[in-house]
Amino acid sequence: MYVRMIQEENQGEKISRKTQGSVYHLLGKEGQRESQDCGEIQDKVFLAACVAEENGFVMGFKYAFHLFTECMQE
């Protein structure tokens, strides 16, 4: 559900534009050193950001569901 929602909002991309911007900003400061593993570092940072973004979505969904069930009990 998360991947489909993000891809629809971001025209097929699996990570939000805001997160992409944050990652590029972070890497821009580190980008002064030119090396072969710069691409590896970028891939790892994007992977970590993507996983964190998806995990945050899942946690938020669970929290909202629990809140909804509590409201329905009253």
PDB file of N, CA and C in Angstrom:
ATOM      1  N   MET A   1       0.829  -1.188   0.000  1.00  0.00           N
ATOM      2  CA  MET A   1       0.000   0.000   0.000  1.00  0.00           C
ATOM      3  C   MET A   1       0.876   1.255   0.000  1.00  0.00           C
ATOM      4  N   TYR A   2       1.926   1.237   0.823  1.00  0.00           N
ATOM      5  CA  TYR A   2       2.823   2.393   0.907  1.00  0.00           C
ATOM      6  C   TYR A   2       3.503   2.676  -0.428  1.00  0.00           C
ATOM      7  N   VAL A   3       4.071   1.624  -1.030  1.00  0.00           N
ATOM      8  CA  VAL A   3       4.810   1.803  -2.285  1.00  0.00           C
ATOM      9  C   VAL A   3       3.884   2.328  -3.372  1.00  0.00           C
ATOM     10  N   ARG A   4       2.673   1.787  -3.453  1.00  0.00           N
ATOM     11  CA  ARG A   4       1.718   2.245  -4.467  1.00  0.00           C
ATOM     12  C   ARG A   4       1.368   3.718  -4.245  1.00  0.00           C
ATOM     13  N   MET A   5       1.138   4.104  -2.993  1.00  0.00           N
ATOM     14  CA  MET A   5       0.787   5.491  -2.703  1.00  0.00           C
ATOM     15  C   MET A   5       1.932   6.446  -3.061  1.00  0.00           C
ATOM     16  N   ILE A   6       3.150   6.084  -2.671  1.00  0.00           N
ATOM     17  CA  ILE A   6       4.310   6.928  -2.962  1.00  0.00           C
ATOM     18  C   ILE A   6       4.549   7.022  -4.466  1.00  0.00           C
ATOM     19  N   GLN A   7       4.437   5.899  -5.167  1.00  0.00           N
ATOM     20  CA  GLN A   7       4.668   5.911  -6.605  1.00  0.00           C
ATOM     21  C   GLN A   7       3.630   6.761  -7.323  1.00  0.00           C
ATOM     22  N   GLU A   8       2.382   6.740  -6.869  1.00  0.00           N
ATOM     23  CA  GLU A   8       1.353   7.575  -7.488  1.00  0.00           C
ATOM     24  C   GLU A   8       1.635   9.050  -7.244  1.00  0.00           C
ATOM     25  N   GLU A   9       2.056   9.401  -6.036  1.00  0.00           N
ATOM     26  CA  GLU A   9       2.332  10.797  -5.703  1.00  0.00           C
ATOM     27  C   GLU A   9       3.605  11.308  -6.354  1.00  0.00           C
ATOM     28  N   ASN A  10       4.593  10.434  -6.534  1.00  0.00           N
ATOM     29  CA  ASN A  10       5.908  10.851  -7.015  1.00  0.00           C
ATOM     30  C   ASN A  10       6.235  10.345  -8.408  1.00  0.00           C
ATOM     31  N   GLN A  11       5.226  10.075  -9.187  1.00  0.00           N
ATOM     32  CA  GLN A  11       5.373   9.688 -10.583  1.00  0.00           C
ATOM     33  C   GLN A  11       6.305   8.500 -10.773  1.00  0.00           C
ATOM     34  N   GLY A  12       6.060   7.427 -10.011  1.00  0.00           N
ATOM     35  CA  GLY A  12       6.788   6.185 -10.188  1.00  0.00           C
ATOM     36  C   GLY A  12       8.013   6.000  -9.315  1.00  0.00           C
ATOM     37  N   GLU A  13       8.424   7.023  -8.589  1.00  0.00           N
ATOM     38  CA  GLU A  13       9.606   6.891  -7.745  1.00  0.00           C
ATOM     39  C   GLU A  13       9.224   6.268  -6.408  1.00  0.00           C
ATOM     40  N   LYS A  14      10.161   5.558  -5.786  1.00  0.00           N
ATOM     41  CA  LYS A  14       9.866   4.835  -4.558  1.00  0.00           C
ATOM     42  C   LYS A  14      10.219   5.621  -3.298  1.00  0.00           C
ATOM     43  N   ILE A  15      10.660   6.853  -3.444  1.00  0.00           N
ATOM     44  CA  ILE A  15      11.007   7.681  -2.290  1.00  0.00           C
ATOM     45  C   ILE A  15      10.490   9.094  -2.553  1.00  0.00           C
ATOM     46  N   SER A  16      10.028   9.755  -1.518  1.00  0.00           N
ATOM     47  CA  SER A  16       9.420  11.067  -1.709  1.00  0.00           C
ATOM     48  C   SER A  16      10.447  12.104  -2.158  1.00  0.00           C
ATOM     49  N   ARG A  17       9.976  13.111  -2.855  1.00  0.00           N
ATOM     50  CA  ARG A  17      10.863  14.175  -3.336  1.00  0.00           C
ATOM     51  C   ARG A  17      11.499  14.932  -2.170  1.00  0.00           C
ATOM     52  N   LYS A  18      10.753  15.100  -1.082  1.00  0.00           N
ATOM     53  CA  LYS A  18      11.295  15.799   0.089  1.00  0.00           C
ATOM     54  C   LYS A  18      12.475  15.024   0.664  1.00  0.00           C
ATOM     55  N   THR A  19      12.329  13.701   0.763  1.00  0.00           N
ATOM     56  CA  THR A  19      13.422  12.872   1.281  1.00  0.00           C
ATOM     57  C   THR A  19      14.597  12.886   0.314  1.00  0.00           C
ATOM     58  N   GLN A  20      14.314  12.834  -0.981  1.00  0.00           N
ATOM     59  CA  GLN A  20      15.393  12.907  -1.970  1.00  0.00           C
ATOM     60  C   GLN A  20      16.168  14.212  -1.812  1.00  0.00           C
ATOM     61  N   GLY A  21      15.442  15.300  -1.658  1.00  0.00           N
ATOM     62  CA  GLY A  21      16.097  16.595  -1.483  1.00  0.00           C
ATOM     63  C   GLY A  21      16.970  16.626  -0.247  1.00  0.00           C
ATOM     64  N   SER A  22      16.476  16.047   0.837  1.00  0.00           N
ATOM     65  CA  SER A  22      17.254  16.003   2.079  1.00  0.00           C
ATOM     66  C   SER A  22      18.520  15.175   1.915  1.00  0.00           C
ATOM     67  N   VAL A  23      18.402  14.049   1.224  1.00  0.00           N
ATOM     68  CA  VAL A  23      19.568  13.197   1.004  1.00  0.00           C
ATOM     69  C   VAL A  23      20.585  13.908   0.127  1.00  0.00           C
ATOM     70  N   TYR A  24      20.130  14.518  -0.957  1.00  0.00           N
ATOM     71  CA  TYR A  24      21.069  15.240  -1.828  1.00  0.00           C
ATOM     72  C   TYR A  24      21.725  16.407  -1.089  1.00  0.00           C
ATOM     73  N   HIS A  25      20.977  17.078  -0.232  1.00  0.00           N
ATOM     74  CA  HIS A  25      21.554  18.172   0.552  1.00  0.00           C
ATOM     75  C   HIS A  25      22.633  17.636   1.481  1.00  0.00           C
ATOM     76  N   LEU A  26      22.339  16.531   2.147  1.00  0.00           N
ATOM     77  CA  LEU A  26      23.312  15.908   3.037  1.00  0.00           C
ATOM     78  C   LEU A  26      24.547  15.462   2.271  1.00  0.00           C
ATOM     79  N   LEU A  27      24.343  14.824   1.130  1.00  0.00           N
ATOM     80  CA  LEU A  27      25.469  14.342   0.339  1.00  0.00           C
ATOM     81  C   LEU A  27      26.231  15.477  -0.336  1.00  0.00           C
ATOM     82  N   GLY A  28      25.553  16.602  -0.572  1.00  0.00           N
ATOM     83  CA  GLY A  28      26.226  17.751  -1.174  1.00  0.00           C
ATOM     84  C   GLY A  28      27.337  18.267  -0.294  1.00  0.00           C
ATOM     85  N   LYS A  29      27.099  18.236   1.004  1.00  0.00           N
ATOM     86  CA  LYS A  29      28.131  18.665   1.941  1.00  0.00           C
ATOM     87  C   LYS A  29      29.279  17.668   1.989  1.00  0.00           C
ATOM     88  N   GLU A  30      28.961  16.384   1.786  1.00  0.00           N
ATOM     89  CA  GLU A  30      29.981  15.343   1.783  1.00  0.00           C
ATOM     90  C   GLU A  30      30.600  15.169   0.399  1.00  0.00           C
ATOM     91  N   GLY A  31      29.972  15.748  -0.619  1.00  0.00           N
ATOM     92  CA  GLY A  31      30.378  15.508  -1.997  1.00  0.00           C
ATOM     93  C   GLY A  31      31.679  16.156  -2.399  1.00  0.00           C
ATOM     94  N   GLN A  32      32.330  16.863  -1.495  1.00  0.00           N
ATOM     95  CA  GLN A  32      33.570  17.520  -1.837  1.00  0.00           C
ATOM     96  C   GLN A  32      34.702  16.525  -2.073  1.00  0.00           C
ATOM     97  N   ARG A  33      34.599  15.363  -1.458  1.00  0.00           N
ATOM     98  CA  ARG A  33      35.625  14.345  -1.689  1.00  0.00           C
ATOM     99  C   ARG A  33      35.177  13.458  -2.847  1.00  0.00           C
ATOM    100  N   GLU A  34      35.995  13.354  -3.830  1.00  0.00           N
ATOM    101  CA  GLU A  34      35.682  12.542  -5.012  1.00  0.00           C
ATOM    102  C   GLU A  34      36.323  11.168  -4.851  1.00  0.00           C
ATOM    103  N   SER A  35      35.505  10.139  -4.833  1.00  0.00           N
ATOM    104  CA  SER A  35      36.042   8.791  -4.736  1.00  0.00           C
ATOM    105  C   SER A  35      35.089   7.821  -5.410  1.00  0.00           C
ATOM    106  N   GLN A  36      35.554   6.594  -5.593  1.00  0.00           N
ATOM    107  CA  GLN A  36      34.735   5.578  -6.234  1.00  0.00           C
ATOM    108  C   GLN A  36      33.548   5.192  -5.365  1.00  0.00           C
ATOM    109  N   ASP A  37      33.745   5.157  -4.043  1.00  0.00           N
ATOM    110  CA  ASP A  37      32.667   4.704  -3.194  1.00  0.00           C
ATOM    111  C   ASP A  37      31.662   5.800  -2.870  1.00  0.00           C
ATOM    112  N   CYS A  38      31.771   6.944  -3.508  1.00  0.00           N
ATOM    113  CA  CYS A  38      30.765   7.988  -3.325  1.00  0.00           C
ATOM    114  C   CYS A  38      29.402   7.500  -3.816  1.00  0.00           C
ATOM    115  N   GLY A  39      29.375   6.779  -4.922  1.00  0.00           N
ATOM    116  CA  GLY A  39      28.133   6.202  -5.439  1.00  0.00           C
ATOM    117  C   GLY A  39      27.575   5.151  -4.503  1.00  0.00           C
ATOM    118  N   GLU A  40      28.480   4.370  -3.896  1.00  0.00           N
ATOM    119  CA  GLU A  40      28.049   3.364  -2.922  1.00  0.00           C
ATOM    120  C   GLU A  40      27.428   4.025  -1.693  1.00  0.00           C
ATOM    121  N   ILE A  41      28.054   5.072  -1.237  1.00  0.00           N
ATOM    122  CA  ILE A  41      27.538   5.800  -0.074  1.00  0.00           C
ATOM    123  C   ILE A  41      26.170   6.377  -0.395  1.00  0.00           C
ATOM    124  N   GLN A  42      26.030   6.972  -1.579  1.00  0.00           N
ATOM    125  CA  GLN A  42      24.749   7.542  -1.987  1.00  0.00           C
ATOM    126  C   GLN A  42      23.673   6.460  -2.033  1.00  0.00           C
ATOM    127  N   ASP A  43      23.988   5.302  -2.597  1.00  0.00           N
ATOM    128  CA  ASP A  43      23.017   4.203  -2.655  1.00  0.00           C
ATOM    129  C   ASP A  43      22.595   3.753  -1.268  1.00  0.00           C
ATOM    130  N   LYS A  44      23.551   3.639  -0.347  1.00  0.00           N
ATOM    131  CA  LYS A  44      23.247   3.205   1.012  1.00  0.00           C
ATOM    132  C   LYS A  44      22.405   4.236   1.757  1.00  0.00           C
ATOM    133  N   VAL A  45      22.697   5.504   1.549  1.00  0.00           N
ATOM    134  CA  VAL A  45      21.922   6.561   2.209  1.00  0.00           C
ATOM    135  C   VAL A  45      20.492   6.567   1.672  1.00  0.00           C
ATOM    136  N   PHE A  46      20.331   6.429   0.355  1.00  0.00           N
ATOM    137  CA  PHE A  46      18.981   6.375  -0.218  1.00  0.00           C
ATOM    138  C   PHE A  46      18.215   5.150   0.262  1.00  0.00           C
ATOM    139  N   LEU A  47      18.893   4.011   0.370  1.00  0.00           N
ATOM    140  CA  LEU A  47      18.241   2.805   0.859  1.00  0.00           C
ATOM    141  C   LEU A  47      17.787   2.993   2.305  1.00  0.00           C
ATOM    142  N   ALA A  48      18.650   3.546   3.144  1.00  0.00           N
ATOM    143  CA  ALA A  48      18.288   3.786   4.542  1.00  0.00           C
ATOM    144  C   ALA A  48      17.136   4.777   4.645  1.00  0.00           C
ATOM    145  N   ALA A  49      17.159   5.826   3.840  1.00  0.00           N
ATOM    146  CA  ALA A  49      16.082   6.815   3.858  1.00  0.00           C
ATOM    147  C   ALA A  49      14.768   6.208   3.401  1.00  0.00           C
ATOM    148  N   CYS A  50      14.821   5.376   2.379  1.00  0.00           N
ATOM    149  CA  CYS A  50      13.612   4.727   1.861  1.00  0.00           C
ATOM    150  C   CYS A  50      13.018   3.789   2.904  1.00  0.00           C
ATOM    151  N   VAL A  51      13.867   2.995   3.555  1.00  0.00           N
ATOM    152  CA  VAL A  51      13.398   2.076   4.588  1.00  0.00           C
ATOM    153  C   VAL A  51      12.809   2.856   5.763  1.00  0.00           C
ATOM    154  N   ALA A  52      13.463   3.923   6.172  1.00  0.00           N
ATOM    155  CA  ALA A  52      12.961   4.727   7.282  1.00  0.00           C
ATOM    156  C   ALA A  52      11.631   5.394   6.941  1.00  0.00           C
ATOM    157  N   GLU A  53      11.502   5.874   5.719  1.00  0.00           N
ATOM    158  CA  GLU A  53      10.258   6.505   5.291  1.00  0.00           C
ATOM    159  C   GLU A  53       9.107   5.500   5.298  1.00  0.00           C
ATOM    160  N   GLU A  54       9.362   4.309   4.782  1.00  0.00           N
ATOM    161  CA  GLU A  54       8.329   3.277   4.764  1.00  0.00           C
ATOM    162  C   GLU A  54       7.971   2.826   6.183  1.00  0.00           C
ATOM    163  N   ASN A  55       8.973   2.671   7.027  1.00  0.00           N
ATOM    164  CA  ASN A  55       8.734   2.267   8.406  1.00  0.00           C
ATOM    165  C   ASN A  55       7.913   3.333   9.145  1.00  0.00           C
ATOM    166  N   GLY A  56       8.202   4.587   8.901  1.00  0.00           N
ATOM    167  CA  GLY A  56       7.422   5.664   9.510  1.00  0.00           C
ATOM    168  C   GLY A  56       5.975   5.635   9.060  1.00  0.00           C
ATOM    169  N   PHE A  57       5.744   5.323   7.802  1.00  0.00           N
ATOM    170  CA  PHE A  57       4.385   5.209   7.285  1.00  0.00           C
ATOM    171  C   PHE A  57       3.643   4.082   7.988  1.00  0.00           C
ATOM    172  N   VAL A  58       4.290   2.923   8.104  1.00  0.00           N
ATOM    173  CA  VAL A  58       3.665   1.765   8.738  1.00  0.00           C
ATOM    174  C   VAL A  58       3.359   2.068  10.200  1.00  0.00           C
ATOM    175  N   MET A  59       4.296   2.662  10.912  1.00  0.00           N
ATOM    176  CA  MET A  59       4.071   2.994  12.320  1.00  0.00           C
ATOM    177  C   MET A  59       2.937   4.000  12.471  1.00  0.00           C
ATOM    178  N   GLY A  60       2.885   4.977  11.600  1.00  0.00           N
ATOM    179  CA  GLY A  60       1.805   5.962  11.631  1.00  0.00           C
ATOM    180  C   GLY A  60       0.456   5.333  11.341  1.00  0.00           C
ATOM    181  N   PHE A  61       0.425   4.411  10.397  1.00  0.00           N
ATOM    182  CA  PHE A  61      -0.816   3.713  10.061  1.00  0.00           C
ATOM    183  C   PHE A  61      -1.303   2.897  11.252  1.00  0.00           C
ATOM    184  N   LYS A  62      -0.392   2.182  11.893  1.00  0.00           N
ATOM    185  CA  LYS A  62      -0.758   1.385  13.069  1.00  0.00           C
ATOM    186  C   LYS A  62      -1.272   2.277  14.194  1.00  0.00           C
ATOM    187  N   TYR A  63      -0.601   3.400  14.422  1.00  0.00           N
ATOM    188  CA  TYR A  63      -1.019   4.326  15.461  1.00  0.00           C
ATOM    189  C   TYR A  63      -2.415   4.868  15.160  1.00  0.00           C
ATOM    190  N   ALA A  64      -2.658   5.233  13.920  1.00  0.00           N
ATOM    191  CA  ALA A  64      -3.971   5.756  13.534  1.00  0.00           C
ATOM    192  C   ALA A  64      -5.051   4.692  13.707  1.00  0.00           C
ATOM    193  N   PHE A  65      -4.742   3.441  13.384  1.00  0.00           N
ATOM    194  CA  PHE A  65      -5.704   2.365  13.539  1.00  0.00           C
ATOM    195  C   PHE A  65      -6.043   2.148  15.013  1.00  0.00           C
ATOM    196  N   HIS A  66      -5.015   2.151  15.870  1.00  0.00           N
ATOM    197  CA  HIS A  66      -5.261   1.997  17.307  1.00  0.00           C
ATOM    198  C   HIS A  66      -6.082   3.160  17.850  1.00  0.00           C
ATOM    199  N   LEU A  67      -5.796   4.350  17.407  1.00  0.00           N
ATOM    200  CA  LEU A  67      -6.557   5.526  17.832  1.00  0.00           C
ATOM    201  C   LEU A  67      -8.007   5.409  17.370  1.00  0.00           C
ATOM    202  N   PHE A  68      -8.200   4.953  16.147  1.00  0.00           N
ATOM    203  CA  PHE A  68      -9.551   4.767  15.614  1.00  0.00           C
ATOM    204  C   PHE A  68     -10.326   3.741  16.438  1.00  0.00           C
ATOM    205  N   THR A  69      -9.680   2.607  16.768  1.00  0.00           N
ATOM    206  CA  THR A  69     -10.390   1.584  17.544  1.00  0.00           C
ATOM    207  C   THR A  69     -10.719   2.080  18.941  1.00  0.00           C
ATOM    208  N   GLU A  70      -9.863   2.881  19.541  1.00  0.00           N
ATOM    209  CA  GLU A  70     -10.155   3.459  20.854  1.00  0.00           C
ATOM    210  C   GLU A  70     -11.349   4.403  20.774  1.00  0.00           C
ATOM    211  N   CYS A  71     -11.403   5.195  19.708  1.00  0.00           N
ATOM    212  CA  CYS A  71     -12.519   6.123  19.552  1.00  0.00           C
ATOM    213  C   CYS A  71     -13.845   5.379  19.326  1.00  0.00           C
ATOM    214  N   MET A  72     -13.789   4.237  18.655  1.00  0.00           N
ATOM    215  CA  MET A  72     -14.985   3.482  18.374  1.00  0.00           C
ATOM    216  C   MET A  72     -15.533   2.774  19.617  1.00  0.00           C
ATOM    217  N   GLN A  73     -14.687   2.553  20.620  1.00  0.00           N
ATOM    218  CA  GLN A  73     -15.117   1.865  21.838  1.00  0.00           C
ATOM    219  C   GLN A  73     -15.968   2.758  22.730  1.00  0.00           C
ATOM    220  N   GLU A  74     -15.840   4.028  22.607  1.00  0.00           N
ATOM    221  CA  GLU A  74     -16.564   4.955  23.470  1.00  0.00           C
ATOM    222  C   GLU A  74     -17.992   5.179  23.060  1.00  0.00           C
TER     223      GLU A  74
END
